[in-house]
Amino acid sequence: MRLKHGLVGAVIMILGVSLAAPALGFGVASAQQVRALGSGAAVRLDPSDSSPVIANLAAGATLDWIGESGPFHIVSIPGQPGEDDLIGYVLAAEVEIVGNVPAGAPPPATGSVIPDIHAQYERSQARRSSGLKRSLWGGTLAVFAIATTQVLFAAADEDAYADSASHQAAVDRHSTAGTVRNALMLSGAGLLAWGAADYLLGSRDIETMEAELPTLADPALEVQYRDASARRGSGKRKFVWGAVMAGGSYATVRWLPWLGVPDRADYDTEWQYLSAVHRRDRTETANRWLIGVGSVLGVWGVLDWVLGSRKMSEIEAISRVSAAPGLRGIPVAVAGPDLFVRRALGRTEIGLAWSR
């Protein structure tokens, strides 16, 4: 009888423990884990930003997932041999959940899942980039509308036309062009404002996320090198197009006789001479616009070319120093130096640290 009661008690105890653990959120063996998104994710003693840090995770490190507590994930930290595991809390923004969902846990939400911080960062970068492009297109559209109206549709004085009907037709064309110009300018201004808003909002989100997770602002050297190479190539193209635009406009106006400064003796009537003067004025206006736009494009291209080349040279120097054999084992009288390559405040630092 005593043995029977003992077995019944043991069965009740086992059932109680197995049912109580899931109810408290601490599974016996969880198949789900959290993985650190970047280096330095802090595991705290309590679910609070002011709680002491009990561990720092390296990028890609995993811990068993136990549950959630507000913006924190509850994790299990393996203890030393012979010691119990520790329970800690890590911010959900610094880790991602991997593995299978443990038994009894609610299924993950679908359709409205909030993207992780890396996806949000990429989305903000795309928003900032599209905003900049939209602003450039809007400004270009407005400038093009103004320049086209002044160059192609400007009406001269009545004396520059063969008769009053020709002058009135030129005035009507200029009026119609002015209406189209106003519509294009409004469209360009709207596009410019839309792009500027996206650029500012995307930049603000990027700065906020980089402050929360600094590793986001420091991509891999391969990514930086690829971006620098693309910037250098884009700078070359901008410079070539700017030079062709400005130089071609200047050469055309200077060397094409039909666009030169008219001489009164070359024309039979006064209106032909005045028409040639008007044509020359419009040519000079177009020349100034093309030289101005080409100069801006050329300076922009040179800047991108130089900065991209400089960044590529910097990354190439890092790779050469990192791959140089035997630098870590240089024999000295006291102690050997340690080579370091690190990023600090947006700058790359390379040097030797001497141990004492």
Protein backbone atom coordinates (compact mmCIF):
# COMPACT_ATOMS: atom_id res chain seq x y z
CA MET A 1 0.00 0.00 0.00
CA ARG A 2 2.81 2.41 0.89
CA LEU A 3 4.54 1.59 -2.41
CA LYS A 4 1.34 2.24 -4.32
CA HIS A 5 0.88 5.64 -2.72
CA GLY A 6 4.55 6.48 -3.47
CA LEU A 7 4.13 5.69 -7.17
CA VAL A 8 0.98 7.75 -7.38
CA GLY A 9 2.75 10.72 -5.78
CA ALA A 10 5.65 10.47 -8.18
CA VAL A 11 3.31 10.40 -11.18
CA ILE A 12 1.43 13.46 -9.88
CA MET A 13 4.70 15.34 -9.32
CA ILE A 14 5.96 14.59 -12.85
CA LEU A 15 2.66 15.69 -14.40
CA GLY A 16 2.63 18.85 -12.32
CA VAL A 17 6.12 19.88 -13.35
CA SER A 18 5.49 19.14 -17.01
CA LEU A 19 2.29 21.18 -17.01
CA ALA A 20 3.60 24.05 -14.92
CA ALA A 21 6.68 24.72 -17.06
CA PRO A 22 4.80 25.66 -20.24
CA ALA A 23 2.32 27.68 -18.20
CA LEU A 24 5.17 29.79 -16.84
CA GLY A 25 6.75 30.21 -20.28
CA PHE A 26 9.89 28.13 -19.56
CA GLY A 27 9.93 25.04 -21.77
CA VAL A 28 12.03 22.06 -20.86
CA ALA A 29 13.67 21.93 -24.28
CA SER A 30 12.97 24.72 -26.73
CA ALA A 31 13.69 24.12 -30.42
CA GLN A 32 13.54 27.86 -31.03
CA GLN A 33 16.54 30.15 -30.65
CA VAL A 34 17.47 33.79 -31.07
CA ARG A 35 20.43 34.85 -33.20
CA ALA A 36 22.33 38.12 -32.77
CA LEU A 37 22.02 40.41 -35.79
CA GLY A 38 25.21 42.30 -34.99
CA SER A 39 28.16 42.25 -32.64
CA GLY A 40 27.63 43.52 -29.10
CA ALA A 41 23.97 42.69 -28.50
CA ALA A 42 23.47 43.10 -24.73
CA VAL A 43 21.80 40.42 -22.61
CA ARG A 44 20.48 42.05 -19.43
CA LEU A 45 19.48 40.73 -16.04
CA ASP A 46 16.00 42.28 -16.20
CA PRO A 47 13.78 43.52 -19.07
CA SER A 48 14.95 47.11 -18.72
CA ASP A 49 17.47 49.33 -20.48
CA SER A 50 18.97 50.27 -17.12
CA SER A 51 19.42 46.66 -15.99
CA PRO A 52 23.00 45.30 -15.67
CA VAL A 53 24.46 43.58 -18.73
CA ILE A 54 25.32 39.95 -18.00
CA ALA A 55 26.55 39.00 -21.48
CA ASN A 56 27.37 40.48 -24.90
CA LEU A 57 26.67 38.45 -28.01
CA ALA A 58 28.91 38.24 -31.04
CA ALA A 59 27.34 38.55 -34.48
CA GLY A 60 25.53 35.29 -35.32
CA ALA A 61 25.66 33.90 -31.76
CA THR A 62 22.56 31.92 -30.72
CA LEU A 63 20.79 31.33 -27.42
CA ASP A 64 17.74 29.26 -26.52
CA TRP A 65 14.52 31.27 -26.72
CA ILE A 66 12.16 31.03 -23.76
CA GLY A 67 9.56 33.73 -24.23
CA GLU A 68 8.85 37.42 -24.57
CA SER A 69 8.62 40.32 -22.14
CA GLY A 70 7.58 43.55 -23.82
CA PRO A 71 10.27 44.61 -26.31
CA PHE A 72 12.66 41.97 -24.93
CA HIS A 73 13.15 38.29 -25.70
CA ILE A 74 13.73 35.97 -22.73
CA VAL A 75 16.76 33.75 -23.37
CA SER A 76 18.67 31.03 -21.57
CA ILE A 77 22.42 31.53 -21.08
CA PRO A 78 24.37 28.29 -20.50
CA GLY A 79 26.06 28.30 -17.09
CA GLN A 80 29.49 27.05 -16.16
CA PRO A 81 29.94 23.27 -15.64
CA GLY A 82 28.06 22.29 -12.53
CA GLU A 83 26.06 25.55 -12.46
CA ASP A 84 22.50 26.33 -13.51
CA ASP A 85 21.71 28.23 -16.70
CA LEU A 86 20.99 31.95 -16.40
CA ILE A 87 17.87 33.69 -17.58
CA GLY A 88 18.46 36.96 -19.46
CA TYR A 89 16.67 39.53 -21.59
CA VAL A 90 17.77 40.86 -24.98
CA LEU A 91 16.11 43.53 -27.12
CA ALA A 92 14.06 42.08 -29.96
CA ALA A 93 15.53 44.67 -32.36
CA GLU A 94 19.03 43.22 -31.86
CA VAL A 95 18.21 39.56 -32.53
CA GLU A 96 16.09 37.39 -34.79
CA ILE A 97 14.22 34.20 -33.94
CA VAL A 98 15.41 31.06 -35.72
CA GLY A 99 14.51 27.39 -35.49
CA ASN A 100 11.19 25.64 -35.06
CA VAL A 101 8.35 27.01 -32.97
CA PRO A 102 8.16 25.15 -29.63
CA ALA A 103 5.14 23.02 -28.84
CA GLY A 104 2.26 25.01 -27.42
CA ALA A 105 3.57 28.36 -28.66
CA PRO A 106 1.20 30.50 -30.76
CA PRO A 107 1.84 30.37 -34.51
CA PRO A 108 3.77 33.31 -35.95
CA ALA A 109 1.73 36.17 -37.34
CA THR A 110 1.36 36.35 -41.10
CA GLY A 111 0.55 39.22 -43.43
CA SER A 112 1.37 42.05 -40.99
CA VAL A 113 4.73 41.00 -39.59
CA ILE A 114 6.89 44.00 -38.69
CA PRO A 115 10.19 43.74 -40.66
CA ASP A 116 13.42 43.40 -38.73
CA ILE A 117 15.80 46.31 -38.36
CA HIS A 118 17.92 45.29 -41.36
CA ALA A 119 14.87 45.24 -43.64
CA GLN A 120 13.76 48.59 -42.22
CA TYR A 121 17.26 50.00 -42.82
CA GLU A 122 17.30 48.85 -46.43
CA ARG A 123 13.81 50.24 -46.97
CA SER A 124 14.86 53.63 -45.54
CA GLN A 125 17.95 53.65 -47.76
CA ALA A 126 15.79 52.92 -50.81
CA ARG A 127 13.38 55.69 -49.76
CA ARG A 128 16.19 58.20 -49.38
CA SER A 129 17.69 57.22 -52.73
CA SER A 130 14.36 57.44 -54.56
CA GLY A 131 13.67 60.79 -52.89
CA LEU A 132 16.97 62.19 -54.15
CA LYS A 133 16.30 60.94 -57.68
CA ARG A 134 12.77 62.35 -57.60
CA SER A 135 14.07 65.74 -56.46
CA LEU A 136 16.63 65.80 -59.26
CA TRP A 137 13.99 64.92 -61.85
CA GLY A 138 11.64 67.59 -60.52
CA GLY A 139 14.32 70.28 -60.58
CA THR A 140 15.44 69.20 -64.05
CA LEU A 141 11.88 69.34 -65.36
CA ALA A 142 11.36 72.88 -64.04
CA VAL A 143 14.70 74.13 -65.39
CA PHE A 144 14.06 72.48 -68.77
CA ALA A 145 10.66 74.15 -69.03
CA ILE A 146 12.08 77.61 -68.28
CA ALA A 147 15.09 77.21 -70.60
CA THR A 148 13.03 75.84 -73.49
CA THR A 149 10.53 78.69 -73.30
CA GLN A 150 13.25 81.32 -73.28
CA VAL A 151 15.36 79.74 -76.02
CA LEU A 152 12.85 78.34 -78.54
CA PHE A 153 9.69 80.40 -78.09
CA ALA A 154 10.86 83.89 -77.12
CA ALA A 155 9.17 86.53 -79.31
CA ALA A 156 11.21 89.45 -80.62
CA ASP A 157 10.04 92.98 -81.46
CA GLU A 158 7.63 93.41 -84.34
CA ASP A 159 10.37 94.82 -86.57
CA ALA A 160 12.13 91.43 -86.57
CA TYR A 161 9.29 89.85 -88.57
CA ALA A 162 8.26 90.18 -92.20
CA ASP A 163 4.74 91.32 -91.31
CA SER A 164 2.38 91.77 -88.39
CA ALA A 165 0.84 88.33 -88.93
CA SER A 166 4.20 86.63 -88.42
CA HIS A 167 4.79 88.66 -85.28
CA GLN A 168 1.35 87.79 -83.90
CA ALA A 169 1.97 84.08 -84.61
CA ALA A 170 5.25 84.28 -82.68
CA VAL A 171 3.48 85.98 -79.77
CA ASP A 172 0.78 83.29 -79.75
CA ARG A 173 3.40 80.53 -79.75
CA HIS A 174 5.17 82.22 -76.84
CA SER A 175 1.89 82.48 -74.91
CA THR A 176 1.09 78.80 -75.48
CA ALA A 177 4.62 77.83 -74.48
CA GLY A 178 4.24 79.93 -71.32
CA THR A 179 1.12 77.99 -70.35
CA VAL A 180 2.88 74.66 -70.88
CA ARG A 181 5.90 76.00 -68.99
CA ASN A 182 3.78 76.90 -65.98
CA ALA A 183 2.23 73.42 -65.91
CA LEU A 184 5.64 71.76 -66.15
CA MET A 185 7.05 74.03 -63.46
CA LEU A 186 4.20 73.12 -61.09
CA SER A 187 4.74 69.42 -61.81
CA GLY A 188 8.49 69.78 -61.28
CA ALA A 189 7.98 71.69 -58.03
CA GLY A 190 5.59 69.01 -56.75
CA LEU A 191 8.02 66.26 -57.71
CA LEU A 192 10.85 68.18 -56.04
CA ALA A 193 8.88 68.63 -52.81
CA TRP A 194 7.84 64.96 -52.77
CA GLY A 195 11.41 63.82 -53.29
CA ALA A 196 12.76 66.19 -50.66
CA ALA A 197 10.24 64.88 -48.10
CA ASP A 198 11.18 61.26 -48.83
CA TYR A 199 14.87 62.10 -48.65
CA LEU A 200 14.57 63.86 -45.29
CA LEU A 201 12.32 61.19 -43.75
CA GLY A 202 14.54 58.37 -45.01
CA SER A 203 17.66 60.10 -43.70
CA ARG A 204 16.04 60.63 -40.30
CA ASP A 205 15.07 56.95 -40.03
CA ILE A 206 18.57 55.87 -41.06
CA GLU A 207 20.20 58.07 -38.41
CA THR A 208 17.83 56.74 -35.75
CA MET A 209 18.53 53.08 -36.60
CA GLU A 210 22.29 53.65 -36.84
CA ALA A 211 22.20 55.16 -33.36
CA GLU A 212 20.32 52.12 -32.04
CA LEU A 213 22.51 49.57 -33.88
CA PRO A 214 25.87 51.09 -34.97
CA THR A 215 26.83 47.99 -37.00
CA LEU A 216 24.26 49.00 -39.61
CA ALA A 217 26.40 51.97 -40.60
CA ASP A 218 29.48 49.83 -41.14
CA PRO A 219 28.86 47.44 -44.07
CA ALA A 220 31.38 44.84 -45.19
CA LEU A 221 34.47 46.03 -47.05
CA GLU A 222 33.30 44.22 -50.19
CA VAL A 223 30.07 46.23 -50.17
CA GLN A 224 31.94 49.49 -49.55
CA TYR A 225 34.37 48.72 -52.37
CA ARG A 226 31.55 47.93 -54.79
CA ASP A 227 29.74 51.16 -53.91
CA ALA A 228 32.95 53.18 -54.27
CA SER A 229 33.63 51.63 -57.67
CA ALA A 230 30.11 52.45 -58.84
CA ARG A 231 30.50 56.03 -57.61
CA ARG A 232 33.78 56.44 -59.47
CA GLY A 233 32.26 55.08 -62.69
CA SER A 234 29.25 57.37 -62.33
CA GLY A 235 31.56 60.33 -61.74
CA LYS A 236 33.47 59.61 -64.94
CA ARG A 237 30.25 59.52 -66.95
CA LYS A 238 28.97 62.77 -65.40
CA PHE A 239 32.26 64.51 -66.14
CA VAL A 240 32.29 63.35 -69.79
CA TRP A 241 28.70 64.39 -70.39
CA GLY A 242 29.25 67.75 -68.71
CA ALA A 243 32.37 68.43 -70.76
CA VAL A 244 30.61 67.43 -74.00
CA MET A 245 27.62 69.62 -73.18
CA ALA A 246 29.59 72.73 -72.23
CA GLY A 247 32.38 72.33 -74.81
CA GLY A 248 30.04 71.39 -77.63
CA SER A 249 27.78 74.37 -76.97
CA TYR A 250 30.70 76.78 -76.86
CA ALA A 251 32.27 75.38 -80.04
CA THR A 252 28.97 75.44 -81.91
CA VAL A 253 28.23 79.05 -81.09
CA ARG A 254 31.81 80.14 -81.82
CA TRP A 255 32.46 78.31 -85.07
CA LEU A 256 29.09 77.93 -86.81
CA PRO A 257 28.80 81.00 -89.12
CA TRP A 258 24.98 80.95 -89.22
CA LEU A 259 24.92 81.53 -85.42
CA GLY A 260 27.59 84.23 -85.42
CA VAL A 261 27.14 87.95 -84.72
CA PRO A 262 25.16 89.33 -87.69
CA ASP A 263 26.49 92.15 -89.87
CA ARG A 264 23.97 94.68 -91.23
CA ALA A 265 25.66 94.72 -94.64
CA ASP A 266 24.92 91.01 -95.15
CA TYR A 267 21.15 91.49 -95.16
CA ASP A 268 18.87 93.09 -97.75
CA THR A 269 16.09 94.23 -95.42
CA GLU A 270 15.89 95.53 -91.90
CA TRP A 271 13.59 92.76 -90.68
CA GLN A 272 16.02 90.08 -91.88
CA TYR A 273 18.83 91.73 -89.95
CA LEU A 274 16.70 92.08 -86.79
CA SER A 275 15.59 88.46 -87.15
CA ALA A 276 19.25 87.38 -87.26
CA VAL A 277 19.95 89.50 -84.16
CA HIS A 278 17.05 87.82 -82.38
CA ARG A 279 18.37 84.40 -83.42
CA ARG A 280 21.80 85.32 -82.05
CA ASP A 281 20.28 86.42 -78.73
CA ARG A 282 18.44 83.12 -78.36
CA THR A 283 21.64 81.26 -79.23
CA GLU A 284 23.55 83.13 -76.54
CA THR A 285 20.82 82.28 -74.01
CA ALA A 286 20.95 78.59 -74.93
CA ASN A 287 24.74 78.67 -74.77
CA ARG A 288 24.71 80.08 -71.23
CA TRP A 289 22.23 77.44 -70.08
CA LEU A 290 24.20 74.57 -71.61
CA ILE A 291 27.53 75.78 -70.29
CA GLY A 292 26.03 76.27 -66.81
CA VAL A 293 24.40 72.83 -66.68
CA GLY A 294 27.48 71.18 -68.19
CA SER A 295 29.77 72.88 -65.66
CA VAL A 296 27.62 71.73 -62.73
CA LEU A 297 27.53 68.20 -64.12
CA GLY A 298 31.29 68.21 -64.69
CA VAL A 299 32.09 69.43 -61.17
CA TRP A 300 29.71 66.87 -59.69
CA GLY A 301 31.35 64.14 -61.76
CA VAL A 302 34.87 65.13 -60.73
CA LEU A 303 33.83 65.13 -57.08
CA ASP A 304 32.31 61.65 -57.32
CA TRP A 305 35.28 60.41 -59.32
CA VAL A 306 37.82 61.65 -56.77
CA LEU A 307 35.91 60.50 -53.68
CA GLY A 308 35.15 57.08 -55.18
CA SER A 309 38.77 56.56 -56.20
CA ARG A 310 39.97 57.65 -52.77
CA LYS A 311 37.63 55.22 -51.03
CA MET A 312 38.73 52.36 -53.28
CA SER A 313 42.40 53.11 -52.56
CA GLU A 314 41.68 53.14 -48.84
CA ILE A 315 39.96 49.76 -48.92
CA GLU A 316 42.69 48.30 -51.12
CA ALA A 317 45.28 49.48 -48.57
CA ILE A 318 43.32 47.76 -45.79
CA SER A 319 43.25 44.50 -47.75
CA ARG A 320 47.00 44.67 -48.46
CA VAL A 321 47.88 45.34 -44.83
CA SER A 322 45.52 42.62 -43.60
CA ALA A 323 47.01 40.09 -46.01
CA ALA A 324 50.66 40.98 -45.38
CA PRO A 325 52.44 37.93 -43.87
CA GLY A 326 54.43 38.06 -40.66
CA LEU A 327 53.34 41.49 -39.44
CA ARG A 328 51.92 40.12 -36.21
CA GLY A 329 55.10 38.27 -35.37
CA ILE A 330 57.72 41.00 -35.78
CA PRO A 331 60.39 40.28 -33.13
CA VAL A 332 61.32 43.19 -30.90
CA ALA A 333 63.36 43.47 -27.73
CA VAL A 334 60.43 43.97 -25.36
CA ALA A 335 57.21 42.81 -26.99
CA GLY A 336 55.73 42.31 -30.44
CA PRO A 337 53.19 44.68 -32.00
CA ASP A 338 49.61 43.71 -32.84
CA LEU A 339 48.19 44.85 -36.17
CA PHE A 340 44.72 46.41 -35.98
CA VAL A 341 42.26 47.53 -38.64
CA ARG A 342 39.13 49.14 -37.23
CA ARG A 343 36.40 51.66 -37.91
CA ALA A 344 35.95 54.60 -35.54
CA LEU A 345 33.62 57.56 -36.03
CA GLY A 346 33.23 56.80 -39.73
CA ARG A 347 36.98 56.56 -40.35
CA THR A 348 39.20 53.54 -41.03
CA GLU A 349 42.22 53.26 -38.74
CA ILE A 350 45.23 51.02 -39.48
CA GLY A 351 48.17 50.68 -37.15
CA LEU A 352 50.26 48.66 -34.73
CA ALA A 353 49.43 48.35 -31.04
CA TRP A 354 52.46 47.65 -28.85
CA SER A 355 51.80 45.50 -25.81
CA ARG A 356 53.54 46.32 -22.58
